[in-house]
Structure formats: structure tokens, C-alpha cells
Amino acid sequence: MVFAPGEKPGAEQDEVKLQNASKQIVQTAILRAVQQVSQESQQKEKRTNSTSLQLERGKLTKKHEKK
């Protein structure tokens, strides 16, 4: 391996370490974002299901009141 004047032999290894650390940071950020979106979707679905159930209960109550 040939090094430019002033370049340290370990500089290439440091660059690889930085790249690996950057990849890990990006992967972690993506994983967290996906988990957050998934969690928010599940919460929204629960709210929607709860609202639908409440509406259904309201319809049933109104039907019984009409009789």
C-alpha cells in the first residue's frame, strides 16, 4: 500500500470505521422510524375500531328505543 505524504497508515482503517458507524446510525434511525410508524398505525386502528364499536352500540341502542 502506498501512502501520500503526511497520510497515516491507519487513516484507511479509520475511514472504514467511520463508514461502518455511519451505516449503523442510519440503520438504527430507519428501524426506529419504521417502528414508530407501525406503532402509530396500530394506535390509529385501535381508535378506529373503538369508534366503530361505539357507533354500532349507539345504533343498537337507538333501534331498541324506537320499539
N, C-alpha and C. Protein backbone atom coordinates (compact mmCIF):
# COMPACT_ATOMS: atom_id res chain seq x y z
N MET A 1 0.84 -1.17 0.00
CA MET A 1 0.00 0.00 0.00
C MET A 1 0.89 1.24 0.00
N VAL A 2 0.56 2.23 -0.82
CA VAL A 2 1.35 3.45 -0.91
C VAL A 2 0.57 4.57 -0.23
N PHE A 3 1.27 5.33 0.60
CA PHE A 3 0.63 6.42 1.34
C PHE A 3 1.14 7.76 0.84
N ALA A 4 0.23 8.72 0.75
CA ALA A 4 0.62 10.07 0.36
C ALA A 4 1.41 10.69 1.51
N PRO A 5 2.21 11.70 1.20
CA PRO A 5 2.98 12.34 2.26
C PRO A 5 2.05 12.89 3.35
N GLY A 6 2.35 12.55 4.59
CA GLY A 6 1.56 13.02 5.71
C GLY A 6 0.36 12.14 6.03
N GLU A 7 0.07 11.19 5.15
CA GLU A 7 -1.07 10.30 5.40
C GLU A 7 -0.65 9.20 6.35
N LYS A 8 -1.50 8.91 7.29
CA LYS A 8 -1.20 7.88 8.27
C LYS A 8 -1.67 6.52 7.74
N PRO A 9 -0.93 5.46 8.03
CA PRO A 9 -1.35 4.13 7.58
C PRO A 9 -2.72 3.72 8.15
N GLY A 10 -3.06 4.22 9.30
CA GLY A 10 -4.33 3.86 9.92
C GLY A 10 -5.51 4.69 9.42
N ALA A 11 -5.25 5.66 8.58
CA ALA A 11 -6.32 6.55 8.10
C ALA A 11 -7.38 5.77 7.32
N GLU A 12 -6.94 4.80 6.55
CA GLU A 12 -7.88 3.99 5.77
C GLU A 12 -8.77 3.17 6.70
N GLN A 13 -8.18 2.63 7.75
CA GLN A 13 -8.96 1.87 8.73
C GLN A 13 -9.94 2.79 9.46
N ASP A 14 -9.50 3.99 9.75
CA ASP A 14 -10.39 4.95 10.41
C ASP A 14 -11.58 5.29 9.51
N GLU A 15 -11.32 5.41 8.22
CA GLU A 15 -12.38 5.71 7.27
C GLU A 15 -13.40 4.57 7.23
N VAL A 16 -12.91 3.35 7.23
CA VAL A 16 -13.79 2.18 7.24
C VAL A 16 -14.62 2.16 8.52
N LYS A 17 -14.00 2.47 9.65
CA LYS A 17 -14.73 2.51 10.92
C LYS A 17 -15.81 3.58 10.89
N LEU A 18 -15.48 4.74 10.33
CA LEU A 18 -16.46 5.82 10.22
C LEU A 18 -17.64 5.42 9.32
N GLN A 19 -17.32 4.78 8.21
CA GLN A 19 -18.38 4.33 7.30
C GLN A 19 -19.28 3.31 7.98
N ASN A 20 -18.68 2.37 8.70
CA ASN A 20 -19.47 1.36 9.39
C ASN A 20 -20.34 1.99 10.47
N ALA A 21 -19.78 2.94 11.20
CA ALA A 21 -20.55 3.63 12.24
C ALA A 21 -21.71 4.41 11.61
N SER A 22 -21.44 5.05 10.49
CA SER A 22 -22.49 5.80 9.79
C SER A 22 -23.61 4.87 9.32
N LYS A 23 -23.24 3.73 8.78
CA LYS A 23 -24.23 2.76 8.33
C LYS A 23 -25.09 2.30 9.51
N GLN A 24 -24.45 2.04 10.63
CA GLN A 24 -25.17 1.58 11.82
C GLN A 24 -26.14 2.65 12.31
N ILE A 25 -25.71 3.91 12.29
CA ILE A 25 -26.57 5.02 12.72
C ILE A 25 -27.78 5.12 11.80
N VAL A 26 -27.56 5.02 10.50
CA VAL A 26 -28.65 5.11 9.54
C VAL A 26 -29.61 3.93 9.71
N GLN A 27 -29.08 2.74 9.86
CA GLN A 27 -29.92 1.55 10.04
C GLN A 27 -30.78 1.68 11.30
N THR A 28 -30.18 2.16 12.37
CA THR A 28 -30.90 2.34 13.63
C THR A 28 -32.01 3.38 13.47
N ALA A 29 -31.69 4.48 12.79
CA ALA A 29 -32.69 5.54 12.58
C ALA A 29 -33.86 5.01 11.74
N ILE A 30 -33.56 4.26 10.71
CA ILE A 30 -34.61 3.70 9.85
C ILE A 30 -35.47 2.72 10.65
N LEU A 31 -34.84 1.85 11.43
CA LEU A 31 -35.57 0.89 12.24
C LEU A 31 -36.50 1.60 13.21
N ARG A 32 -36.01 2.62 13.88
CA ARG A 32 -36.84 3.37 14.82
C ARG A 32 -38.01 4.05 14.12
N ALA A 33 -37.76 4.60 12.95
CA ALA A 33 -38.83 5.27 12.19
C ALA A 33 -39.90 4.27 11.78
N VAL A 34 -39.48 3.10 11.32
CA VAL A 34 -40.44 2.06 10.92
C VAL A 34 -41.25 1.60 12.13
N GLN A 35 -40.58 1.42 13.26
CA GLN A 35 -41.28 1.00 14.47
C GLN A 35 -42.29 2.07 14.91
N GLN A 36 -41.91 3.33 14.80
CA GLN A 36 -42.80 4.42 15.20
C GLN A 36 -44.03 4.47 14.29
N VAL A 37 -43.82 4.35 12.99
CA VAL A 37 -44.94 4.37 12.05
C VAL A 37 -45.86 3.18 12.32
N SER A 38 -45.28 2.03 12.57
CA SER A 38 -46.07 0.84 12.85
C SER A 38 -46.89 1.02 14.12
N GLN A 39 -46.26 1.55 15.14
CA GLN A 39 -46.95 1.79 16.41
C GLN A 39 -48.09 2.80 16.24
N GLU A 40 -47.84 3.86 15.51
CA GLU A 40 -48.86 4.87 15.27
C GLU A 40 -50.03 4.29 14.46
N SER A 41 -49.73 3.45 13.51
CA SER A 41 -50.78 2.81 12.70
C SER A 41 -51.64 1.90 13.57
N GLN A 42 -50.99 1.16 14.46
CA GLN A 42 -51.75 0.27 15.35
C GLN A 42 -52.64 1.08 16.28
N GLN A 43 -52.13 2.18 16.80
CA GLN A 43 -52.93 3.03 17.69
C GLN A 43 -54.11 3.62 16.94
N LYS A 44 -53.88 4.05 15.71
CA LYS A 44 -54.95 4.63 14.90
C LYS A 44 -56.02 3.57 14.62
N GLU A 45 -55.57 2.36 14.32
CA GLU A 45 -56.50 1.27 14.04
C GLU A 45 -57.34 0.96 15.29
N LYS A 46 -56.71 0.97 16.45
CA LYS A 46 -57.45 0.72 17.69
C LYS A 46 -58.50 1.80 17.92
N ARG A 47 -58.13 3.05 17.66
CA ARG A 47 -59.08 4.16 17.84
C ARG A 47 -60.24 4.01 16.85
N THR A 48 -59.92 3.64 15.62
CA THR A 48 -60.95 3.47 14.60
C THR A 48 -61.89 2.34 14.99
N ASN A 49 -61.33 1.24 15.43
CA ASN A 49 -62.15 0.10 15.84
C ASN A 49 -63.01 0.46 17.04
N SER A 50 -62.46 1.19 17.96
CA SER A 50 -63.20 1.61 19.15
C SER A 50 -64.35 2.53 18.76
N THR A 51 -64.09 3.46 17.85
CA THR A 51 -65.12 4.38 17.38
C THR A 51 -66.22 3.62 16.66
N SER A 52 -65.85 2.66 15.82
CA SER A 52 -66.84 1.86 15.09
C SER A 52 -67.70 1.08 16.07
N LEU A 53 -67.07 0.53 17.09
CA LEU A 53 -67.81 -0.23 18.09
C LEU A 53 -68.79 0.68 18.83
N GLN A 54 -68.35 1.88 19.16
CA GLN A 54 -69.22 2.82 19.84
C GLN A 54 -70.39 3.22 18.95
N LEU A 55 -70.12 3.41 17.68
CA LEU A 55 -71.19 3.75 16.74
C LEU A 55 -72.19 2.61 16.63
N GLU A 56 -71.69 1.39 16.55
CA GLU A 56 -72.57 0.22 16.47
C GLU A 56 -73.43 0.12 17.73
N ARG A 57 -72.84 0.34 18.87
CA ARG A 57 -73.60 0.30 20.12
C ARG A 57 -74.68 1.37 20.11
N GLY A 58 -74.34 2.54 19.59
CA GLY A 58 -75.31 3.62 19.50
C GLY A 58 -76.47 3.27 18.59
N LYS A 59 -76.20 2.61 17.49
CA LYS A 59 -77.25 2.20 16.55
C LYS A 59 -78.17 1.19 17.21
N LEU A 60 -77.56 0.23 17.93
CA LEU A 60 -78.36 -0.78 18.60
C LEU A 60 -79.26 -0.14 19.65
N THR A 61 -78.73 0.79 20.39
CA THR A 61 -79.50 1.47 21.42
C THR A 61 -80.66 2.23 20.80
N LYS A 62 -80.40 2.92 19.70
CA LYS A 62 -81.45 3.69 19.03
C LYS A 62 -82.53 2.77 18.49
N LYS A 63 -82.17 1.60 17.96
CA LYS A 63 -83.15 0.66 17.44
C LYS A 63 -84.08 0.20 18.56
N HIS A 64 -83.48 -0.09 19.72
CA HIS A 64 -84.29 -0.56 20.86
C HIS A 64 -85.19 0.55 21.38
N GLU A 65 -84.73 1.78 21.31
CA GLU A 65 -85.53 2.91 21.80
C GLU A 65 -86.75 3.15 20.92
N LYS A 66 -86.66 2.84 19.62
CA LYS A 66 -87.75 3.07 18.69
C LYS A 66 -88.92 2.13 18.96
N LYS A 67 -88.64 0.95 19.47
CA LYS A 67 -89.70 -0.06 19.67
C LYS A 67 -90.60 0.27 20.80
